[in-house]
């Protein structure tokens, strides 16, 4: 049971990391604007 919890936690962490990285590298279309990103997420930017 513990092994499943660890692997599930790792999966959630990977999804959160990829989502944050995608958010850091995209801009929002139109007048809606992009929400303010934390400094740690800004460091993930590619450009």
N, C-alpha and C. Protein backbone atom coordinates (compact mmCIF):
# COMPACT_ATOMS: atom_id res chain seq x y z
N UNK A 1 0.83 -1.20 0.00
CA UNK A 1 0.00 0.00 0.00
C UNK A 1 0.86 1.25 0.00
N UNK A 2 1.93 1.27 0.80
CA UNK A 2 2.80 2.43 0.88
C UNK A 2 3.48 2.69 -0.45
N UNK A 3 3.86 1.64 -1.15
CA UNK A 3 4.52 1.78 -2.44
C UNK A 3 3.59 2.46 -3.44
N UNK A 4 2.31 2.14 -3.40
CA UNK A 4 1.35 2.76 -4.30
C UNK A 4 1.19 4.24 -3.98
N UNK A 5 1.19 4.59 -2.70
CA UNK A 5 1.06 5.99 -2.31
C UNK A 5 2.26 6.81 -2.78
N UNK A 6 3.45 6.22 -2.69
CA UNK A 6 4.66 6.91 -3.12
C UNK A 6 4.63 7.13 -4.62
N UNK A 7 4.27 6.12 -5.38
CA UNK A 7 4.24 6.25 -6.83
C UNK A 7 3.14 7.22 -7.27
N UNK A 8 2.02 7.24 -6.56
CA UNK A 8 0.96 8.19 -6.87
C UNK A 8 1.42 9.62 -6.58
N UNK A 9 2.13 9.80 -5.47
CA UNK A 9 2.65 11.13 -5.12
C UNK A 9 3.68 11.59 -6.15
N UNK A 10 4.51 10.68 -6.64
CA UNK A 10 5.49 11.03 -7.66
C UNK A 10 4.80 11.42 -8.96
N UNK A 11 3.74 10.73 -9.31
CA UNK A 11 2.99 11.04 -10.52
C UNK A 11 2.36 12.42 -10.42
N UNK A 12 1.76 12.72 -9.28
CA UNK A 12 1.14 14.04 -9.08
C UNK A 12 2.21 15.13 -9.14
N UNK A 13 3.37 14.88 -8.57
CA UNK A 13 4.45 15.86 -8.59
C UNK A 13 4.93 16.12 -10.02
N UNK A 14 5.06 15.07 -10.83
CA UNK A 14 5.48 15.23 -12.22
C UNK A 14 4.46 16.03 -13.02
N UNK A 15 3.18 15.75 -12.81
CA UNK A 15 2.12 16.48 -13.52
C UNK A 15 2.13 17.95 -13.10
N UNK A 16 2.29 18.22 -11.82
CA UNK A 16 2.33 19.60 -11.33
C UNK A 16 3.54 20.34 -11.91
N UNK A 17 4.68 19.69 -11.97
CA UNK A 17 5.89 20.31 -12.52
C UNK A 17 5.70 20.65 -14.00
N UNK A 18 5.17 19.70 -14.77
CA UNK A 18 4.97 19.95 -16.20
C UNK A 18 3.94 21.04 -16.43
N UNK A 19 2.91 21.07 -15.61
CA UNK A 19 1.89 22.10 -15.73
C UNK A 19 2.47 23.48 -15.42
N UNK A 20 3.27 23.58 -14.38
CA UNK A 20 3.90 24.85 -14.03
C UNK A 20 4.88 25.29 -15.11
N UNK A 21 5.61 24.36 -15.66
CA UNK A 21 6.56 24.69 -16.72
C UNK A 21 5.84 25.19 -17.96
N UNK A 22 4.73 24.55 -18.31
CA UNK A 22 3.94 24.98 -19.46
C UNK A 22 3.37 26.38 -19.22
N UNK A 23 2.90 26.63 -18.04
CA UNK A 23 2.35 27.93 -17.70
C UNK A 23 3.42 29.02 -17.76
N UNK A 24 4.63 28.70 -17.37
CA UNK A 24 5.72 29.67 -17.38
C UNK A 24 6.15 30.01 -18.80
N UNK A 25 5.96 29.08 -19.73
CA UNK A 25 6.44 29.27 -21.09
C UNK A 25 5.36 29.69 -22.08
N UNK A 26 4.18 30.01 -21.60
CA UNK A 26 3.11 30.45 -22.49
C UNK A 26 2.60 31.82 -22.05
N UNK A 27 1.97 32.48 -22.96
CA UNK A 27 1.34 33.75 -22.64
C UNK A 27 -0.16 33.60 -22.81
N UNK A 28 -0.89 34.43 -22.15
CA UNK A 28 -2.34 34.37 -22.22
C UNK A 28 -2.82 35.21 -23.40
N UNK A 29 -3.80 34.73 -24.09
CA UNK A 29 -4.35 35.41 -25.25
C UNK A 29 -5.33 36.49 -24.81
N UNK A 30 -5.24 37.62 -25.42
CA UNK A 30 -6.24 38.67 -25.23
C UNK A 30 -6.11 39.46 -23.95
N UNK A 31 -7.20 40.08 -23.55
CA UNK A 31 -7.16 41.00 -22.42
C UNK A 31 -7.22 40.31 -21.05
N UNK A 32 -7.25 39.01 -21.04
CA UNK A 32 -7.41 38.30 -19.77
C UNK A 32 -6.15 38.36 -18.93
N UNK A 33 -5.00 38.39 -19.55
CA UNK A 33 -3.73 38.44 -18.83
C UNK A 33 -3.37 37.12 -18.19
N UNK A 34 -2.11 37.01 -17.86
CA UNK A 34 -1.63 35.79 -17.22
C UNK A 34 -1.52 36.05 -15.73
N UNK A 35 -1.95 35.13 -14.89
CA UNK A 35 -1.83 35.34 -13.45
C UNK A 35 -0.37 35.44 -13.04
N UNK A 36 -0.12 36.14 -11.96
CA UNK A 36 1.25 36.32 -11.49
C UNK A 36 1.84 34.97 -11.07
N UNK A 37 3.04 34.70 -11.57
CA UNK A 37 3.70 33.43 -11.29
C UNK A 37 4.69 33.58 -10.14
N UNK A 38 4.83 32.56 -9.32
CA UNK A 38 5.85 32.59 -8.27
C UNK A 38 7.25 32.62 -8.87
N UNK A 39 8.22 33.09 -8.12
CA UNK A 39 9.60 33.19 -8.61
C UNK A 39 10.17 31.82 -9.01
N UNK A 40 9.83 30.78 -8.27
CA UNK A 40 10.37 29.46 -8.60
C UNK A 40 9.85 28.96 -9.93
N UNK A 41 8.62 29.33 -10.27
CA UNK A 41 8.06 28.92 -11.56
C UNK A 41 8.69 29.74 -12.68
N UNK A 42 8.99 31.00 -12.42
CA UNK A 42 9.63 31.84 -13.44
C UNK A 42 10.98 31.31 -13.83
N UNK A 43 11.66 30.63 -12.91
CA UNK A 43 12.98 30.06 -13.20
C UNK A 43 12.90 28.90 -14.18
N UNK A 44 11.70 28.37 -14.42
CA UNK A 44 11.52 27.24 -15.35
C UNK A 44 11.43 27.71 -16.80
N UNK A 45 11.40 29.02 -17.01
CA UNK A 45 11.20 29.54 -18.37
C UNK A 45 12.33 29.12 -19.29
N UNK A 46 12.00 28.86 -20.54
CA UNK A 46 12.99 28.44 -21.53
C UNK A 46 13.58 29.60 -22.29
N UNK A 47 12.89 30.72 -22.36
CA UNK A 47 13.37 31.82 -23.18
C UNK A 47 13.75 33.01 -22.37
